[in-house]
């Protein structure tokens, strides 16, 4: 095994062990944690954050950040729900494709402004976070767009008997983008840009194009999360996903990605998202107050960042 593959395996092993430890601790506190229904619930609840975290992983590996992802989920949810409702009454394939295209456009706005103005993505996406959220509230006048009662085609995506379709879709996305990052030229370019932009440019990598595509892919994946959120709540709410960008970024960092860029895995982000869901579910089952849950989640995020810093100092 090469040193690169060994380092990648060790990076994944840490979050996975943390996930097992946290899960077992909550399980010992309440045996219901080990039930089939809770396990299925963990996977289902991870879909929205986990799918969006895949796109955030690409952005962070490329040395960027996106604070607007929660607002994109809210805005795309409103867009999707509007297409489902009369007078449009679009079919599910049209809703999916149109919403994904709209999410990619939101990502294009983020990437275009970041690359074109050469400003920090933190500043750009902090602004677009407010713009996208405000746009959703203006269009809906601050009220959710509820799906018609006779529309049931979206329910299997986040509910029903067996494993919801959204879980399978998330797993497929994890596999797809793992393969893209590991075995394609585009994947290698993402790592190169995040490691050192100047060196990547000297090697012939079109840094601006890579960044633009990464933000567009992240916007498209956030749109998929928005459709899943709509399927779960049966509405498009412009006030939903407030603060979700923090959970998404935390999942990526806990999964071993470096905020300095050039390092990270999609599978690690998925494990990080599953860990965040496990913490929240375990606290609910054990009647731990919400403020304490937030403290626990915050401590784990800080620990993950400290480990990342120590790992880079050692390197």
Protein backbone atom coordinates (compact mmCIF):
# COMPACT_ATOMS: atom_id res chain seq x y z
CA UNK A 1 0.00 0.00 0.00
CA UNK A 2 1.38 3.43 -0.97
CA UNK A 3 1.88 6.16 1.61
CA UNK A 4 -0.94 8.18 0.02
CA UNK A 5 -3.43 5.32 0.31
CA UNK A 6 -2.25 4.57 3.86
CA UNK A 7 -2.75 8.21 4.89
CA UNK A 8 -6.21 8.23 3.31
CA UNK A 9 -7.15 5.02 5.14
CA UNK A 10 -5.97 6.42 8.47
CA UNK A 11 -7.86 9.67 7.85
CA UNK A 12 -11.06 7.68 7.34
CA UNK A 13 -10.40 5.33 10.25
CA UNK A 14 -10.49 8.11 12.87
CA UNK A 15 -14.02 9.40 12.08
CA UNK A 16 -15.29 5.83 11.66
CA UNK A 17 -13.98 4.82 15.09
CA UNK A 18 -15.49 7.99 16.57
CA UNK A 19 -18.84 7.07 14.98
CA UNK A 20 -18.74 3.56 16.45
CA UNK A 21 -17.75 4.83 19.90
CA UNK A 22 -20.50 7.48 19.98
CA UNK A 23 -23.09 5.01 18.69
CA UNK A 24 -22.15 2.37 21.29
CA UNK A 25 -22.17 4.91 24.14
CA UNK A 26 -25.68 6.06 23.28
CA UNK A 27 -26.68 2.41 22.75
CA UNK A 28 -25.53 1.49 26.26
CA UNK A 29 -27.52 4.42 27.61
CA UNK A 30 -30.64 3.33 25.69
CA UNK A 31 -30.88 -0.05 23.96
CA UNK A 32 -33.44 1.38 21.50
CA UNK A 33 -30.43 2.88 19.71
CA UNK A 34 -29.61 -0.62 18.39
CA UNK A 35 -33.08 -1.19 16.93
CA UNK A 36 -33.68 -1.52 13.20
CA UNK A 37 -36.06 1.45 13.15
CA UNK A 38 -33.49 3.76 14.72
CA UNK A 39 -30.77 2.59 12.33
CA UNK A 40 -33.06 3.26 9.40
CA UNK A 41 -33.94 6.63 10.90
CA UNK A 42 -30.25 7.53 11.19
CA UNK A 43 -29.69 6.85 7.51
CA UNK A 44 -32.83 8.71 6.46
CA UNK A 45 -32.04 11.76 8.59
CA UNK A 46 -28.51 11.86 7.15
CA UNK A 47 -29.72 12.16 3.55
CA UNK A 48 -30.19 15.95 3.44
CA UNK A 49 -26.94 16.92 5.18
CA UNK A 50 -25.00 13.99 3.73
CA UNK A 51 -25.89 14.75 0.10
CA UNK A 52 -25.05 18.43 0.44
CA UNK A 53 -21.82 17.52 2.27
CA UNK A 54 -20.58 15.72 -0.86
CA UNK A 55 -20.59 19.00 -2.77
CA UNK A 56 -19.09 20.87 0.18
CA UNK A 57 -16.27 18.31 0.24
CA UNK A 58 -15.32 19.21 -3.33
CA UNK A 59 -15.35 22.92 -2.47
CA UNK A 60 -13.23 22.52 0.67
CA UNK A 61 -10.73 20.24 -1.11
CA UNK A 62 -10.39 22.98 -3.76
CA UNK A 63 -9.58 25.46 -0.98
CA UNK A 64 -12.97 27.19 -0.85
CA UNK A 65 -16.00 27.40 1.40
CA UNK A 66 -19.73 27.92 0.87
CA UNK A 67 -21.78 29.53 3.62
CA UNK A 68 -24.84 29.82 1.36
CA UNK A 69 -25.57 26.08 1.02
CA UNK A 70 -28.39 26.17 3.60
CA UNK A 71 -30.01 29.09 1.79
CA UNK A 72 -29.64 27.28 -1.56
CA UNK A 73 -31.47 24.29 -0.05
CA UNK A 74 -34.28 26.57 1.14
CA UNK A 75 -34.56 28.46 -2.17
CA UNK A 76 -34.41 25.29 -4.29
CA UNK A 77 -37.04 23.71 -2.02
CA UNK A 78 -39.37 26.62 -2.75
CA UNK A 79 -38.57 26.31 -6.46
CA UNK A 80 -39.30 22.57 -6.48
CA UNK A 81 -42.55 22.90 -4.51
CA UNK A 82 -43.73 25.66 -6.85
CA UNK A 83 -43.19 23.37 -9.85
CA UNK A 84 -45.16 20.57 -8.14
CA UNK A 85 -48.15 22.79 -7.35
CA UNK A 86 -50.70 24.14 -9.84
CA UNK A 87 -50.65 25.76 -12.32
CA UNK A 88 -47.39 24.02 -13.26
CA UNK A 89 -48.07 20.52 -11.83
CA UNK A 90 -44.82 19.19 -13.30
CA UNK A 91 -43.94 15.50 -13.24
CA UNK A 92 -41.25 14.30 -10.77
CA UNK A 93 -38.51 13.91 -13.45
CA UNK A 94 -39.08 17.49 -14.62
CA UNK A 95 -39.07 18.76 -11.01
CA UNK A 96 -35.82 16.93 -10.26
CA UNK A 97 -34.01 18.09 -13.40
CA UNK A 98 -35.24 21.68 -13.21
CA UNK A 99 -34.39 21.98 -9.52
CA UNK A 100 -30.90 20.51 -10.05
CA UNK A 101 -30.34 22.98 -12.90
CA UNK A 102 -31.51 25.85 -10.69
CA UNK A 103 -29.20 24.71 -7.88
CA UNK A 104 -26.30 24.54 -10.34
CA UNK A 105 -27.14 28.12 -11.36
CA UNK A 106 -26.94 29.22 -7.70
CA UNK A 107 -23.55 27.51 -7.52
CA UNK A 108 -22.57 29.26 -10.76
CA UNK A 109 -23.36 32.60 -9.11
CA UNK A 110 -21.12 31.74 -6.14
CA UNK A 111 -18.30 30.42 -8.29
CA UNK A 112 -18.58 33.18 -10.89
CA UNK A 113 -18.40 35.95 -8.29
CA UNK A 114 -15.55 34.24 -6.44
CA UNK A 115 -13.47 33.67 -9.57
CA UNK A 116 -14.45 36.85 -11.41
CA UNK A 117 -13.97 39.27 -8.50
CA UNK A 118 -11.07 37.30 -6.98
CA UNK A 119 -12.52 37.73 -3.52
CA UNK A 120 -12.51 35.32 -0.61
CA UNK A 121 -15.34 32.77 -0.99
CA UNK A 122 -16.17 33.35 2.67
CA UNK A 123 -17.18 36.94 1.85
CA UNK A 124 -18.99 36.12 -1.40
CA UNK A 125 -21.03 33.24 0.01
CA UNK A 126 -21.80 35.20 3.18
CA UNK A 127 -23.52 37.72 0.90
CA UNK A 128 -25.26 35.17 -1.32
CA UNK A 129 -26.46 33.37 1.81
CA UNK A 130 -28.59 36.41 2.55
CA UNK A 131 -29.54 36.96 -1.10
CA UNK A 132 -30.79 33.40 -1.71
CA UNK A 133 -32.65 33.29 1.60
CA UNK A 134 -34.23 36.68 1.00
CA UNK A 135 -35.22 35.74 -2.55
CA UNK A 136 -37.08 32.69 -1.28
CA UNK A 137 -38.96 34.79 1.26
CA UNK A 138 -39.84 37.45 -1.30
CA UNK A 139 -41.25 34.93 -3.79
CA UNK A 140 -43.35 33.15 -1.17
CA UNK A 141 -44.01 36.20 1.02
CA UNK A 142 -42.46 34.25 3.87
CA UNK A 143 -44.98 31.41 3.84
CA UNK A 144 -44.26 27.75 2.93
CA UNK A 145 -45.44 26.34 -0.40
CA UNK A 146 -47.36 23.18 0.60
CA UNK A 147 -47.69 20.25 -1.79
CA UNK A 148 -51.22 19.20 -2.84
CA UNK A 149 -52.69 16.38 -0.74
CA UNK A 150 -53.08 14.13 -3.77
CA UNK A 151 -49.37 14.29 -4.63
CA UNK A 152 -47.78 11.17 -3.13
CA UNK A 153 -45.00 10.40 -5.62
CA UNK A 154 -42.35 12.07 -3.43
CA UNK A 155 -43.14 10.22 -0.20
CA UNK A 156 -41.03 7.09 -0.96
CA UNK A 157 -37.92 9.27 -1.25
CA UNK A 158 -37.84 9.99 2.49
CA UNK A 159 -40.34 7.54 3.99
CA UNK A 160 -42.54 4.54 3.43
CA UNK A 161 -41.74 0.86 3.90
CA UNK A 162 -38.15 -0.31 3.68
CA UNK A 163 -35.15 1.85 2.91
CA UNK A 164 -36.22 5.21 1.41
CA UNK A 165 -35.10 5.95 -2.13
CA UNK A 166 -33.24 9.03 -0.90
CA UNK A 167 -30.84 6.82 1.08
CA UNK A 168 -29.98 4.82 -2.05
CA UNK A 169 -29.52 8.04 -4.00
CA UNK A 170 -27.15 9.40 -1.35
CA UNK A 171 -25.10 6.18 -1.38
CA UNK A 172 -24.91 6.32 -5.18
CA UNK A 173 -23.67 9.91 -5.00
CA UNK A 174 -21.02 8.94 -2.43
CA UNK A 175 -19.74 6.17 -4.70
CA UNK A 176 -19.88 8.33 -7.85
CA UNK A 177 -17.96 11.27 -6.45
CA UNK A 178 -15.47 9.03 -4.67
CA UNK A 179 -14.64 7.55 -8.06
CA UNK A 180 -14.50 11.01 -9.66
CA UNK A 181 -12.07 12.34 -7.06
CA UNK A 182 -9.86 9.28 -7.16
CA UNK A 183 -9.76 8.24 -10.80
CA UNK A 184 -10.48 11.24 -13.04
CA UNK A 185 -8.39 14.17 -14.26
CA UNK A 186 -10.99 16.59 -12.88
CA UNK A 187 -10.61 15.00 -9.44
CA UNK A 188 -6.84 15.37 -9.55
CA UNK A 189 -7.24 19.00 -10.60
CA UNK A 190 -9.49 19.69 -7.59
CA UNK A 191 -6.78 18.42 -5.23
CA UNK A 192 -4.11 20.35 -7.13
CA UNK A 193 -6.02 23.63 -6.89
CA UNK A 194 -6.61 23.16 -3.17
CA UNK A 195 -3.01 22.22 -2.47
CA UNK A 196 -1.41 25.14 -4.30
CA UNK A 197 -3.16 27.33 -6.85
CA UNK A 198 0.06 28.81 -8.27
CA UNK A 199 1.65 25.42 -8.79
CA UNK A 200 -1.56 24.11 -10.36
CA UNK A 201 -1.58 27.05 -12.77
CA UNK A 202 2.04 26.41 -13.75
CA UNK A 203 1.09 22.79 -14.42
CA UNK A 204 -1.57 23.91 -16.89
CA UNK A 205 -4.66 23.56 -14.69
CA UNK A 206 -7.41 26.08 -15.41
CA UNK A 207 -7.96 27.09 -11.78
CA UNK A 208 -10.93 29.35 -12.48
CA UNK A 209 -12.79 26.69 -14.44
CA UNK A 210 -12.18 24.05 -11.75
CA UNK A 211 -13.50 26.35 -9.03
CA UNK A 212 -16.55 27.28 -11.10
CA UNK A 213 -17.43 23.65 -11.81
CA UNK A 214 -16.95 22.69 -8.16
CA UNK A 215 -19.39 25.36 -6.97
CA UNK A 216 -21.90 24.37 -9.66
CA UNK A 217 -21.70 20.69 -8.64
CA UNK A 218 -22.17 21.67 -5.00
CA UNK A 219 -25.22 23.76 -5.93
CA UNK A 220 -26.69 20.84 -7.87
CA UNK A 221 -26.20 18.48 -4.92
CA UNK A 222 -27.74 21.06 -2.57
CA UNK A 223 -30.74 21.08 -4.93
CA UNK A 224 -31.07 17.31 -4.55
CA UNK A 225 -31.02 17.83 -0.78
CA UNK A 226 -33.76 20.43 -1.25
CA UNK A 227 -35.99 17.96 -3.10
CA UNK A 228 -35.40 15.40 -0.33
CA UNK A 229 -36.27 18.04 2.27
CA UNK A 230 -39.45 18.83 0.32
CA UNK A 231 -40.32 15.13 0.18
CA UNK A 232 -39.80 14.87 3.95
CA UNK A 233 -41.87 17.90 4.95
CA UNK A 234 -44.30 18.00 1.97
CA UNK A 235 -43.57 21.68 1.47
CA UNK A 236 -41.02 24.18 0.27
CA UNK A 237 -40.20 26.45 3.18
CA UNK A 238 -37.99 29.54 2.67
CA UNK A 239 -37.13 29.53 6.39
CA UNK A 240 -35.90 25.92 6.48
CA UNK A 241 -32.26 24.78 6.73
CA UNK A 242 -31.25 27.79 8.83
CA UNK A 243 -27.81 26.96 10.23
CA UNK A 244 -27.63 23.73 8.22
CA UNK A 245 -24.52 25.03 6.46
CA UNK A 246 -22.70 24.63 9.78
CA UNK A 247 -23.73 20.98 10.05
CA UNK A 248 -22.65 20.38 6.46
CA UNK A 249 -19.25 22.02 6.90
CA UNK A 250 -18.80 20.23 10.23
CA UNK A 251 -19.54 16.87 8.60
CA UNK A 252 -16.82 17.51 6.01
CA UNK A 253 -14.26 18.61 8.60
CA UNK A 254 -15.07 15.74 10.97
CA UNK A 255 -14.66 13.41 7.99
CA UNK A 256 -11.01 14.40 7.66
CA UNK A 257 -11.07 17.24 5.13
CA UNK A 258 -8.67 20.11 5.72
CA UNK A 259 -9.99 23.67 5.76
CA UNK A 260 -6.64 24.62 4.19
CA UNK A 261 -7.62 22.68 1.07
CA UNK A 262 -6.04 19.83 -0.84
CA UNK A 263 -7.27 17.05 1.41
CA UNK A 264 -10.54 15.22 2.05
CA UNK A 265 -12.76 12.33 1.01
CA UNK A 266 -16.42 12.01 0.14
CA UNK A 267 -16.74 8.87 2.24
CA UNK A 268 -15.27 10.73 5.20
CA UNK A 269 -17.85 13.50 4.80
CA UNK A 270 -20.60 10.88 4.75
CA UNK A 271 -19.26 9.36 7.98
CA UNK A 272 -19.07 12.84 9.49
CA UNK A 273 -22.69 13.54 8.55
CA UNK A 274 -23.74 10.19 10.01
CA UNK A 275 -21.85 11.03 13.21
CA UNK A 276 -23.68 14.36 13.56
CA UNK A 277 -27.04 12.58 13.05
CA UNK A 278 -26.09 9.89 15.57
CA UNK A 279 -25.28 12.51 18.20
CA UNK A 280 -28.59 14.33 17.74
CA UNK A 281 -30.64 11.11 17.64
CA UNK A 282 -28.85 9.66 20.68
CA UNK A 283 -29.46 12.81 22.67
CA UNK A 284 -33.18 12.77 21.79
CA UNK A 285 -33.55 9.09 22.77
CA UNK A 286 -31.83 9.75 26.09
CA UNK A 287 -33.84 12.92 26.78
CA UNK A 288 -30.75 15.13 26.72
CA UNK A 289 -31.78 18.81 26.37
CA UNK A 290 -31.22 20.49 23.01
CA UNK A 291 -28.72 23.06 24.39
CA UNK A 292 -26.57 20.21 25.73
CA UNK A 293 -26.79 18.51 22.34
CA UNK A 294 -25.50 21.68 20.69
CA UNK A 295 -22.62 21.85 23.15
CA UNK A 296 -21.66 18.23 22.45
CA UNK A 297 -21.77 18.79 18.69
CA UNK A 298 -19.69 21.96 19.04
CA UNK A 299 -17.05 20.21 21.14
CA UNK A 300 -16.73 17.43 18.56
CA UNK A 301 -16.30 19.99 15.76
CA UNK A 302 -13.56 21.80 17.70
CA UNK A 303 -11.79 18.50 18.40
CA UNK A 304 -11.92 17.63 14.70
CA UNK A 305 -10.38 21.01 13.75
CA UNK A 306 -7.66 20.64 16.42
CA UNK A 307 -6.79 17.18 15.11
CA UNK A 308 -6.60 18.62 11.60
CA UNK A 309 -4.21 21.37 12.76
CA UNK A 310 -2.01 18.94 14.67
CA UNK A 311 -1.87 16.57 11.70
CA UNK A 312 -0.66 19.38 9.42
CA UNK A 313 1.90 20.61 11.93
CA UNK A 314 3.31 17.11 12.14
CA UNK A 315 3.40 16.92 8.35
